[in-house]
Protein backbone atom coordinates (compact mmCIF):
# COMPACT_ATOMS: atom_id res chain seq x y z
CA MET A 1 0.00 0.00 0.00
CA SER A 2 3.05 2.26 -0.09
CA HIS A 3 4.87 3.41 -3.21
CA ILE A 4 8.33 2.20 -4.26
CA VAL A 5 10.83 4.60 -2.74
CA PRO A 6 14.03 5.74 -4.45
CA LEU A 7 17.16 3.86 -3.44
CA LEU A 8 20.84 4.61 -3.96
CA PRO A 9 22.13 3.48 -7.34
CA GLU A 10 24.72 0.73 -7.36
CA ASN A 11 27.53 3.11 -8.38
CA ALA A 12 26.90 5.57 -5.53
CA PRO A 13 30.03 6.07 -3.37
CA PHE A 14 28.61 4.34 -0.29
CA ALA A 15 28.88 0.81 1.00
CA GLY A 16 27.64 -1.48 3.75
CA ALA A 17 26.04 0.22 6.71
CA GLU A 18 26.23 3.69 5.14
CA ARG A 19 24.25 2.53 2.08
CA ALA A 20 21.66 0.81 4.30
CA TRP A 21 21.34 3.88 6.53
CA ILE A 22 20.71 6.22 3.61
CA ASN A 23 18.25 3.80 2.00
CA GLY A 24 16.49 3.53 5.36
CA TRP A 25 16.21 7.31 5.58
CA LEU A 26 14.86 7.49 2.02
CA GLY A 27 12.28 4.88 2.96
CA ALA A 28 11.25 6.86 6.04
CA TYR A 29 11.03 10.14 4.17
CA PHE A 30 9.47 9.12 0.88
CA GLY A 31 7.43 6.22 2.29
CA SER A 32 4.79 8.63 3.60
CA ALA A 33 5.38 11.79 1.60
CA PRO A 34 2.22 13.38 0.25
CA GLN A 35 3.56 13.41 -3.32
CA ALA A 36 5.15 10.56 -5.25
CA ALA A 37 8.95 10.62 -5.14
CA PRO A 38 10.85 10.96 -8.42
CA ALA A 39 12.20 7.74 -9.83
CA VAL A 40 15.85 6.96 -9.08
CA ALA A 41 17.83 4.25 -10.78
CA ALA A 42 18.25 1.26 -8.48
CA ALA A 43 20.36 -1.84 -8.40
CA PRO A 44 18.95 -5.04 -9.95
CA ALA A 45 16.21 -6.49 -7.77
CA GLU A 46 17.36 -8.82 -5.02
CA GLU A 47 15.25 -11.91 -4.49
CA PHE A 48 13.35 -11.87 -1.18
CA PRO A 49 11.46 -15.19 -1.07
CA TRP A 50 10.12 -14.34 2.39
CA HIS A 51 8.56 -11.10 1.13
CA ASP A 52 5.14 -12.72 0.91
CA MET A 53 2.46 -11.54 3.30
CA THR A 54 0.59 -14.85 3.08
CA LEU A 55 3.50 -16.77 4.64
CA ALA A 56 3.51 -17.40 8.39
CA LEU A 57 6.29 -15.82 10.44
CA ASP A 58 8.07 -19.12 11.06
CA GLU A 59 7.99 -19.90 7.32
CA ARG A 60 9.50 -16.52 6.51
CA MET A 61 12.21 -16.91 9.11
CA LEU A 62 13.10 -20.33 7.70
CA LEU A 63 13.46 -18.86 4.21
CA ALA A 64 15.77 -16.17 5.58
CA ASP A 65 17.87 -18.57 7.66
CA GLY A 66 21.55 -18.01 7.01
CA LYS A 67 20.98 -14.63 5.37
CA PRO A 68 22.67 -11.43 6.61
CA LEU A 69 21.26 -9.73 9.71
CA GLN A 70 19.24 -7.10 7.86
CA ARG A 71 17.54 -9.70 5.67
CA ARG A 72 16.55 -11.80 8.69
CA LEU A 73 15.16 -8.66 10.28
CA MET A 74 13.20 -8.02 7.10
CA ALA A 75 11.73 -11.53 7.20
CA ALA A 76 10.34 -10.77 10.67
CA MET A 77 8.26 -7.89 9.28
CA ALA A 78 4.64 -8.39 8.20
CA GLN A 79 5.65 -8.07 4.51
CA GLN A 80 2.84 -5.65 3.70
CA ASP A 81 4.96 -2.58 2.84
CA CYS A 82 2.00 -0.71 4.30
CA GLY A 83 4.04 2.30 5.39
CA GLN A 84 2.56 2.55 8.89
CA CYS A 85 6.06 2.21 10.32
CA GLY A 86 7.28 5.10 8.17
CA TYR A 87 9.40 2.76 6.06
CA LEU A 88 9.02 -0.22 3.76
CA CYS A 89 9.75 -3.65 5.22
CA GLN A 90 13.23 -3.67 3.69
CA THR A 91 14.22 -0.15 4.73
CA TYR A 92 12.80 -0.56 8.25
CA ALA A 93 14.89 -3.71 8.67
CA GLU A 94 17.97 -1.95 7.34
CA ALA A 95 17.48 1.02 9.65
CA ILE A 96 17.17 -1.32 12.66
CA GLY A 97 20.12 -3.37 11.50
CA ASN A 98 22.50 -0.44 11.29
CA GLY A 99 21.29 1.07 14.56
CA THR A 100 19.65 4.25 13.24
CA GLU A 101 16.14 3.08 14.21
CA LYS A 102 15.74 2.05 17.84
CA SER A 103 12.04 1.16 17.96
CA LEU A 104 11.19 -2.49 17.31
CA SER A 105 7.43 -1.99 17.59
CA ARG A 106 6.61 0.13 14.54
CA CYS A 107 5.26 -2.81 12.50
CA ILE A 108 1.54 -2.52 13.22
CA PRO A 109 0.32 -5.55 11.23
CA GLY A 110 3.18 -7.66 12.62
CA GLY A 111 2.36 -6.69 16.21
CA LYS A 112 4.10 -8.35 19.13
CA PRO A 113 5.25 -11.45 17.21
CA THR A 114 7.28 -9.22 14.88
CA ALA A 115 8.67 -7.11 17.73
CA ARG A 116 9.71 -10.23 19.65
CA ALA A 117 11.30 -11.81 16.59
CA LEU A 118 13.29 -8.64 15.95
CA LYS A 119 14.44 -8.60 19.56
CA GLU A 120 15.55 -12.24 19.42
CA ILE A 121 17.48 -11.69 16.18
CA LEU A 122 19.27 -8.66 17.59
CA GLU A 123 20.14 -10.45 20.80
CA MET A 124 22.00 -12.99 18.71
CA ALA A 125 23.71 -10.28 16.65
CA PRO A 126 24.36 -7.02 18.58
CA LEU A 127 23.70 -3.77 16.78
CA PRO A 128 26.65 -2.07 15.10
CA ALA A 129 27.40 1.54 15.86
CA ALA A 130 25.40 3.95 13.71
CA PRO A 131 27.44 5.13 10.68
CA ALA A 132 28.83 8.62 10.65
CA VAL A 133 26.45 9.90 7.97
CA PRO A 134 25.05 13.37 8.64
CA VAL A 135 21.29 13.60 9.08
CA MET A 136 19.75 15.94 6.53
CA ALA A 137 18.09 18.94 8.09
CA SER A 138 14.79 18.14 6.42
CA ALA A 139 14.59 14.57 7.74
CA PRO A 140 11.35 14.20 9.74
CA ALA A 141 11.61 12.92 13.30
CA GLU A 142 8.33 11.03 12.80
CA PRO A 143 7.93 10.00 9.15
CA SER A 144 4.16 10.18 8.95
CA ALA A 145 3.96 13.47 10.83
CA SER A 146 5.48 15.37 7.90
CA ALA A 147 2.57 14.36 5.68
CA ARG A 148 -0.28 15.15 8.05
CA ALA A 149 -3.11 17.29 6.81
CA LEU A 150 -6.49 18.11 8.29
CA ALA A 151 -9.43 16.62 6.41
CA ARG A 152 -13.05 17.30 7.30
CA LEU A 153 -15.18 14.27 8.15
CA GLU A 154 -18.30 14.56 6.00
CA ALA A 155 -20.01 11.18 6.47
CA ALA A 156 -19.76 7.80 8.18
CA VAL A 157 -22.84 6.06 6.76
CA ARG A 158 -23.68 2.49 7.71
CA LEU A 159 -23.64 0.25 4.64
CA ASN A 160 -25.09 -2.88 6.22
CA GLY A 161 -28.83 -3.45 6.30
CA GLU A 162 -31.13 -4.40 9.16
CA GLY A 163 -30.16 -7.59 10.94
CA SER A 164 -26.54 -7.63 9.86
CA ALA A 165 -23.90 -8.84 12.29
CA LYS A 166 -21.53 -6.23 10.89
CA ASP A 167 -21.19 -2.47 11.04
CA THR A 168 -19.45 -1.32 7.86
CA ARG A 169 -19.23 2.41 7.23
CA HIS A 170 -18.86 4.43 4.06
CA VAL A 171 -16.61 7.22 5.31
CA VAL A 172 -16.17 10.44 3.36
CA PHE A 173 -13.46 13.03 3.98
CA ASP A 174 -13.54 16.47 2.38
CA ILE A 175 -9.96 17.23 1.27
CA ALA A 176 -10.66 20.40 -0.75
CA ASP A 177 -8.58 22.51 1.64
CA ALA A 178 -6.22 19.79 2.87
CA GLY A 179 -3.59 20.05 0.16
CA LEU A 180 -3.75 16.29 -0.48
CA SER A 181 -3.68 14.41 -3.76
CA TYR A 182 -4.09 10.70 -4.34
CA ALA A 183 -4.40 7.99 -6.97
CA VAL A 184 -6.46 4.82 -7.09
CA GLY A 185 -4.65 2.09 -5.17
CA ASP A 186 -3.39 4.52 -2.52
CA SER A 187 -4.41 4.36 1.13
CA LEU A 188 -5.38 6.99 3.67
CA GLY A 189 -3.63 7.07 7.03
CA VAL A 190 -5.90 8.19 9.85
CA HIS A 191 -4.52 9.53 13.12
CA ALA A 192 -7.22 8.44 15.56
CA THR A 193 -7.40 8.68 19.34
CA ASN A 194 -7.95 5.99 21.95
CA CYS A 195 -11.25 5.34 23.71
CA PRO A 196 -11.77 8.08 26.37
CA GLU A 197 -13.54 5.69 28.76
CA THR A 198 -10.60 3.28 28.66
CA VAL A 199 -8.15 6.12 29.24
CA ALA A 200 -10.16 7.37 32.22
CA ALA A 201 -10.24 3.87 33.74
CA ILE A 202 -6.46 3.50 33.35
CA ILE A 203 -5.80 6.85 35.04
CA ASP A 204 -8.15 5.91 37.85
CA LEU A 205 -6.40 2.57 38.48
CA LEU A 206 -3.03 4.32 38.51
CA SER A 207 -4.41 6.82 41.05
CA ALA A 208 -2.94 9.53 38.85
CA ASN A 209 -3.84 13.12 38.04
CA PRO A 210 -4.98 13.39 34.39
CA SER A 211 -3.65 16.96 34.26
CA ASP A 212 -0.09 16.06 35.25
CA GLU A 213 2.37 16.53 32.41
CA VAL A 214 4.45 13.61 31.12
CA ASP A 215 7.06 13.02 28.44
CA CYS A 216 5.52 10.90 25.70
CA PRO A 217 7.13 8.17 23.58
CA ASP A 218 6.65 10.34 20.46
CA GLY A 219 8.91 13.02 21.93
CA THR A 220 6.14 15.44 22.91
CA ARG A 221 5.17 16.63 26.39
CA ARG A 222 1.47 16.45 27.21
CA THR A 223 -0.95 16.00 30.04
CA LEU A 224 -1.32 12.37 31.11
CA LYS A 225 -4.86 12.29 29.72
CA ASP A 226 -3.80 13.61 26.33
CA ALA A 227 -0.78 11.30 26.27
CA LEU A 228 -2.92 8.20 26.76
CA LEU A 229 -5.54 9.47 24.33
CA ALA A 230 -3.33 10.48 21.42
CA ALA A 231 0.33 9.53 21.88
CA CYS A 232 0.49 6.06 23.43
CA ASP A 233 -0.54 2.64 22.17
CA ILE A 234 -2.63 1.30 25.06
CA ALA A 235 -4.41 -1.35 23.00
CA ARG A 236 -1.22 -3.39 22.53
CA PRO A 237 1.14 -2.68 25.44
CA SER A 238 4.76 -3.11 24.40
CA ASP A 239 6.87 -5.83 26.00
CA GLU A 240 8.89 -3.01 27.58
CA ALA A 241 5.76 -1.65 29.24
CA VAL A 242 4.87 -5.12 30.53
CA GLU A 243 8.40 -5.43 31.92
CA VAL A 244 7.90 -2.12 33.74
CA LEU A 245 4.71 -3.50 35.27
CA ALA A 246 6.59 -6.67 36.27
CA SER A 247 9.43 -4.76 37.90
CA ARG A 248 7.00 -2.65 39.93
CA ALA A 249 4.68 -5.46 41.08
CA PRO A 250 5.57 -6.29 44.73
CA GLU A 251 3.44 -9.45 44.65
CA PRO A 252 5.92 -12.16 43.46
CA GLY A 253 3.35 -14.24 41.58
CA GLU A 254 2.13 -11.24 39.61
CA SER A 255 5.67 -10.08 38.90
CA ASN A 256 6.72 -13.49 37.59
CA GLN A 257 3.62 -13.84 35.46
CA LEU A 258 4.08 -10.38 33.95
CA GLN A 259 7.72 -11.09 33.19
CA ALA A 260 6.77 -14.34 31.45
CA LEU A 261 4.14 -12.43 29.47
CA ALA A 262 6.73 -9.85 28.42
CA GLU A 263 9.00 -12.64 27.20
CA GLY A 264 6.24 -14.17 25.11
CA TYR A 265 5.60 -17.43 26.97
CA PRO A 266 2.28 -18.98 25.86
CA GLY A 267 -0.47 -18.79 28.48
CA ALA A 268 1.54 -16.45 30.69
CA GLY A 269 -1.22 -13.86 30.90
CA PRO A 270 -4.62 -12.82 29.56
CA GLU A 271 -4.92 -13.14 25.77
CA GLU A 272 -5.23 -9.96 23.69
CA ALA A 273 -4.73 -7.89 26.82
CA ASP A 274 -4.73 -4.13 26.56
CA LEU A 275 -3.21 -1.91 29.24
CA LEU A 276 -6.46 -1.73 31.18
CA ASP A 277 -6.72 -5.53 31.21
CA LEU A 278 -3.22 -5.80 32.69
CA LEU A 279 -3.90 -3.24 35.40
CA LEU A 280 -7.11 -5.05 36.34
CA GLU A 281 -5.48 -8.50 36.25
CA PHE A 282 -2.39 -7.49 38.24
CA PRO A 283 -3.50 -5.03 40.95
CA SER A 284 -0.10 -4.84 42.65
CA ALA A 285 1.55 -3.57 39.43
CA ARG A 286 1.39 0.19 39.85
CA PRO A 287 4.58 1.76 38.44
CA PRO A 288 5.36 5.48 38.42
CA VAL A 289 3.27 7.05 35.68
CA GLN A 290 6.19 8.58 33.77
CA GLU A 291 8.04 5.25 33.78
CA LEU A 292 5.03 3.46 32.33
CA VAL A 293 4.22 6.09 29.72
CA SER A 294 7.81 6.15 28.48
CA ALA A 295 7.75 2.38 27.96
CA LEU A 296 4.56 2.36 25.89
CA ALA A 297 4.82 2.32 22.09
CA VAL A 298 3.78 5.31 20.01
CA LEU A 299 0.16 5.26 18.84
CA GLN A 300 0.50 4.72 15.09
CA PRO A 301 -1.96 5.84 12.41
CA ARG A 302 -4.24 3.27 10.79
CA LEU A 303 -4.34 2.80 7.02
CA TYR A 304 -7.44 2.24 4.89
CA SER A 305 -7.58 1.50 1.16
CA ILE A 306 -9.13 4.45 -0.66
CA ALA A 307 -12.52 3.60 -2.18
CA SER A 308 -12.85 6.48 -4.64
CA SER A 309 -11.19 7.88 -7.75
CA PRO A 310 -9.94 11.49 -7.74
CA LYS A 311 -11.21 11.75 -11.31
CA GLU A 312 -14.75 11.25 -10.03
CA GLU A 313 -14.37 12.87 -6.59
CA PRO A 314 -11.41 15.28 -6.77
CA ASN A 315 -12.20 16.97 -3.46
CA ALA A 316 -13.03 13.88 -1.43
CA VAL A 317 -11.57 10.63 -0.19
CA ASN A 318 -13.94 7.71 0.43
CA LEU A 319 -13.13 4.77 2.72
CA THR A 320 -14.91 1.50 3.51
CA VAL A 321 -14.37 0.86 7.22
CA SER A 322 -15.56 -2.07 9.32
CA ALA A 323 -16.20 -0.91 12.89
CA VAL A 324 -14.46 -3.50 15.07
CA ARG A 325 -16.18 -4.36 18.36
CA TRP A 326 -15.94 -7.46 20.52
CA ARG A 327 -16.33 -8.52 24.13
CA LYS A 328 -13.39 -9.84 26.11
CA ARG A 329 -13.31 -10.58 29.83
CA GLY A 330 -16.63 -8.83 30.31
CA ARG A 331 -15.52 -5.62 28.60
CA LEU A 332 -16.50 -4.16 25.26
CA ARG A 333 -13.34 -3.81 23.21
CA THR A 334 -13.14 -1.67 20.08
CA GLY A 335 -10.82 -1.00 17.19
CA VAL A 336 -8.86 2.21 17.67
CA ALA A 337 -9.55 4.00 14.39
CA SER A 338 -12.59 2.15 13.07
CA VAL A 339 -14.82 2.94 16.06
CA TYR A 340 -13.30 6.41 16.33
CA LEU A 341 -14.58 7.09 12.81
CA ALA A 342 -17.89 5.28 13.31
CA ASP A 343 -18.86 6.55 16.76
CA ARG A 344 -16.64 9.20 18.30
CA ALA A 345 -15.52 11.62 15.61
CA SER A 346 -18.10 14.34 14.99
CA LEU A 347 -19.26 15.11 11.47
CA GLY A 348 -17.60 18.32 10.36
CA SER A 349 -14.58 17.80 12.60
CA GLU A 350 -11.08 18.01 11.17
CA ILE A 351 -9.00 14.84 11.51
CA PRO A 352 -5.26 14.47 10.86
CA VAL A 353 -4.71 12.23 7.84
CA TYR A 354 -2.11 11.54 5.16
CA VAL A 355 -1.97 9.72 1.83
CA GLN A 356 0.13 6.59 1.69
CA LYS A 357 1.22 6.01 -1.90
CA SER A 358 0.65 2.55 -3.32
CA ASN A 359 3.52 0.11 -3.58
CA GLY A 360 2.70 -1.64 -6.84
CA PHE A 361 -1.06 -1.94 -6.28
CA GLY A 362 -2.76 -0.12 -9.09
CA LEU A 363 -4.39 -0.33 -12.49
CA PRO A 364 -2.33 -1.44 -15.52
CA GLU A 365 -1.01 1.38 -17.66
CA ASP A 366 -2.69 -0.12 -20.71
CA ASN A 367 -6.37 0.75 -20.38
CA ASP A 368 -7.31 -2.06 -22.77
CA VAL A 369 -6.00 -4.77 -20.43
CA PRO A 370 -8.72 -6.81 -18.65
CA ILE A 371 -8.68 -6.94 -14.86
CA ILE A 372 -9.98 -9.50 -12.37
CA MET A 373 -10.71 -8.14 -8.89
CA ILE A 374 -11.27 -10.35 -5.84
CA GLY A 375 -12.46 -8.29 -2.87
CA PRO A 376 -14.87 -9.72 -0.30
CA GLY A 377 -16.13 -7.50 2.52
CA THR A 378 -14.22 -4.25 2.90
CA GLY A 379 -11.76 -5.63 0.35
CA VAL A 380 -14.10 -4.17 -2.28
CA ALA A 381 -12.87 -0.65 -1.41
CA PRO A 382 -10.01 -0.21 -3.90
CA PHE A 383 -12.01 -1.94 -6.62
CA ARG A 384 -14.80 0.59 -6.30
CA ALA A 385 -12.05 3.15 -6.94
CA PHE A 386 -10.71 1.14 -9.90
CA LEU A 387 -14.16 1.01 -11.50
CA GLN A 388 -14.75 4.73 -10.98
CA GLU A 389 -11.36 5.45 -12.55
CA ARG A 390 -11.88 3.18 -15.55
CA ARG A 391 -15.28 4.71 -16.20
CA ALA A 392 -13.91 8.25 -15.91
CA ILE A 393 -11.07 7.66 -18.39
CA GLY A 394 -13.14 5.58 -20.79
CA ALA A 395 -10.96 2.49 -20.44
CA LYS A 396 -11.86 -0.28 -22.88
CA GLY A 397 -10.49 -3.15 -20.78
CA ARG A 398 -13.01 -5.64 -19.41
CA ASN A 399 -13.63 -5.73 -15.64
CA TRP A 400 -14.56 -8.74 -13.50
CA LEU A 401 -15.34 -8.51 -9.79
CA PHE A 402 -15.71 -11.31 -7.24
CA PHE A 403 -17.41 -10.02 -4.08
CA GLY A 404 -18.56 -11.88 -0.98
CA ASP A 405 -19.91 -11.31 2.50
CA GLN A 406 -22.30 -12.94 4.96
CA ARG A 407 -25.84 -12.21 3.69
CA ARG A 408 -27.04 -10.70 0.44
CA ALA A 409 -30.00 -8.89 2.04
CA SER A 410 -27.88 -6.99 4.57
CA ASP A 411 -24.21 -7.22 3.55
CA PHE A 412 -24.03 -6.57 -0.20
CA LEU A 413 -21.84 -3.48 0.08
CA TYR A 414 -22.39 -0.91 -2.68
CA GLU A 415 -25.01 -3.20 -4.23
CA ASP A 416 -26.80 -0.48 -6.20
CA GLU A 417 -23.56 0.86 -7.66
CA LEU A 418 -22.12 -2.52 -8.56
CA THR A 419 -25.27 -3.90 -10.14
CA GLU A 420 -25.64 -0.69 -12.14
CA TYR A 421 -22.04 -1.09 -13.34
CA GLU A 422 -22.95 -4.60 -14.48
CA LYS A 423 -26.07 -3.37 -16.30
CA ASP A 424 -24.24 -0.62 -18.19
CA GLY A 425 -21.37 -2.93 -19.13
CA LEU A 426 -18.58 -1.41 -17.05
CA LEU A 427 -18.53 -4.69 -15.12
CA THR A 428 -18.34 -7.55 -17.59
CA HIS A 429 -18.93 -10.01 -14.76
CA LEU A 430 -20.08 -9.59 -11.16
CA ASP A 431 -19.83 -12.87 -9.23
CA VAL A 432 -21.02 -12.84 -5.62
CA ALA A 433 -20.89 -15.31 -2.74
CA PHE A 434 -22.85 -14.90 0.49
CA SER A 435 -21.63 -17.41 3.04
CA ARG A 436 -24.62 -17.42 5.42
CA ASP A 437 -27.48 -17.53 2.90
CA GLN A 438 -27.45 -21.34 2.78
CA SER A 439 -26.52 -24.22 5.06
CA GLU A 440 -23.19 -24.75 3.29
CA LYS A 441 -20.90 -21.74 3.48
CA ILE A 442 -19.92 -20.41 0.07
CA TYR A 443 -16.97 -18.08 -0.43
CA VAL A 444 -15.46 -16.24 -3.40
CA GLN A 445 -12.98 -19.08 -3.99
CA GLN A 446 -15.87 -21.38 -4.90
CA ARG A 447 -17.24 -18.85 -7.38
CA MET A 448 -13.76 -18.66 -8.92
CA ARG A 449 -13.64 -22.44 -9.32
CA GLU A 450 -17.09 -22.40 -10.91
CA ARG A 451 -15.80 -19.92 -13.52
CA ALA A 452 -12.41 -21.61 -13.89
CA SER A 453 -12.32 -21.98 -17.66
CA GLU A 454 -13.24 -18.35 -18.35
CA LEU A 455 -10.95 -17.09 -15.62
CA TRP A 456 -8.10 -19.04 -17.21
CA ALA A 457 -9.00 -17.61 -20.62
CA TRP A 458 -8.80 -14.07 -19.25
CA LEU A 459 -5.36 -14.80 -17.79
CA GLN A 460 -4.22 -16.19 -21.13
CA GLU A 461 -5.38 -12.93 -22.72
CA GLY A 462 -3.17 -10.90 -20.35
CA ALA A 463 -5.58 -10.04 -17.54
CA HIS A 464 -4.22 -8.56 -14.31
CA LEU A 465 -5.33 -10.15 -11.03
CA PHE A 466 -6.00 -8.15 -7.87
CA VAL A 467 -6.83 -9.38 -4.37
CA CYS A 468 -7.81 -7.18 -1.43
CA GLY A 469 -8.92 -8.23 2.05
CA ALA A 470 -7.87 -10.39 4.98
CA ILE A 471 -4.68 -12.45 4.81
CA ALA A 472 -6.56 -15.70 5.50
CA MET A 473 -8.80 -15.02 2.52
CA ALA A 474 -5.79 -14.20 0.33
CA LYS A 475 -4.22 -17.56 1.20
CA ASP A 476 -7.42 -19.36 0.20
CA VAL A 477 -7.54 -17.39 -3.05
CA ASP A 478 -3.91 -18.35 -3.74
CA THR A 479 -4.81 -22.00 -3.28
CA ALA A 480 -7.86 -21.71 -5.53
CA LEU A 481 -5.91 -19.90 -8.24
CA ALA A 482 -3.14 -22.51 -8.19
CA ALA A 483 -5.74 -25.28 -8.53
CA ILE A 484 -7.47 -23.47 -11.41
CA ILE A 485 -4.20 -22.84 -13.25
CA ALA A 486 -3.07 -26.43 -12.72
CA ARG A 487 -6.27 -27.95 -14.08
CA GLN A 488 -6.99 -25.49 -16.86
CA GLY A 489 -3.37 -25.25 -17.93
CA GLY A 490 -2.71 -29.00 -17.73
CA MET A 491 0.20 -28.63 -15.32
CA GLY A 492 1.23 -29.80 -11.86
CA THR A 493 0.65 -27.85 -8.65
CA GLY A 494 4.30 -26.81 -8.49
CA ALA A 495 4.22 -25.43 -12.01
CA ALA A 496 0.95 -23.62 -11.24
CA LYS A 497 2.48 -21.96 -8.20
CA ALA A 498 5.47 -20.98 -10.31
CA LYS A 499 3.03 -19.45 -12.81
CA LEU A 500 1.49 -17.37 -10.02
CA ALA A 501 4.97 -16.27 -8.96
CA ASP A 502 5.69 -15.24 -12.56
CA LEU A 503 2.46 -13.23 -12.63
CA THR A 504 3.50 -11.52 -9.40
CA ARG A 505 6.93 -10.60 -10.77
CA ALA A 506 5.27 -9.25 -13.91
CA LYS A 507 2.99 -7.07 -11.73
CA ARG A 508 -0.02 -8.98 -13.05
CA TYR A 509 -0.93 -10.45 -9.66
CA GLN A 510 -1.15 -7.80 -6.94
CA LYS A 511 -2.35 -7.99 -3.34
CA ASP A 512 -3.51 -5.45 -0.80
CA VAL A 513 -4.11 -7.59 2.28
CA TYR A 514 -4.24 -7.05 6.02
């Protein structure tokens, strides 16, 4: 979801750690810049077999076994190149590896497993001293902060019908005065705030004064209340914060359990615990407030695929956001940004946002090329943008969309638009799968298998494949595609997987998954 950043050319007069440091800085700076960076000649592409977001962490680490430190660090990342860390996976790993980036918790989709893997790798290979390369004066201290703009929230309309188990919102931002530009395939980073009720409960359990000022992990100084609302990640306490709780828990059993939790031992503490959970579970753990705040990770922005084309809506950005709510240990838990947009942010309010340029997820340059889009649930977002774009530019290429959700009556997102696109011919095919409308669950993969021969024919004619949605779904789609290619192409499974890899290298098979 981030664009390809410029890297040093092979003949540049830098080597080793210096080259990695500069490439890391370029990744941090251009990875979230509001405008696309100019192209810079780069060295021939290095093969990164672990750079596949559908692979499990242990599989990626196995593929990187024996590789240099920075490549093993890269394998520990989530492989999404989403830009939330301010880098790409490669440049974040390189910045950590040469010591210029100290935080191991920037990888939002990787979460604690990534942070712990990075820590373990570094413990086996101590960090080198940072190279003596001067920092450019314009280098941002916080990569995404340089690209922030204020966009006005115009709408957060519920897309699901009566009786749905989901709460999906069509979110509209007015960017007329924000100074932002975007292209289809890009994402919007939203700087949300934490739940005020959760923050108040944490402050109460710490017996702290919400007006006291503290130094925040993002380098700012704020009141404690504002720090926990806007600067600290309280939904996923860092291992360092858990260690602080352990060191300040006078009850030995609680201290030992917290320490085991910080070190990642299975079953050591409550699952999916946020900071409030830990304070409730371990009542003796009451560290000094400043010590705890300093150990928390920075609250990172959340990225959403843009669901509109600037050619159709030049002054607006549309998003398709699923409001995440669940109950855990008797408490209602919520997604940080999704419920902020759905429930807490007032219409007309200005919200800090930035555009994250796409990293190889976008329409083919040739407008006559057919495209196949697979986007169940909120994965339909970028494909709505693709269709708007192709209609606006009069593209002649055929368009095929596979969409799925739970129930047709309540969960057919953008039904009126999509069916109208099918009627007027913009959508050559619209295949849908609603998993809960019959006793046997049906997903988009089954619809793909049912249309295998035509799908194969489109691929033979040069069609580009796009997948957007959850990682688990993307894995199932991979499996279905390999089976379709194997059968229709008269080849073995290995050859079919190699064909998919060739399509990926040719930029004909692109994924935007989370």
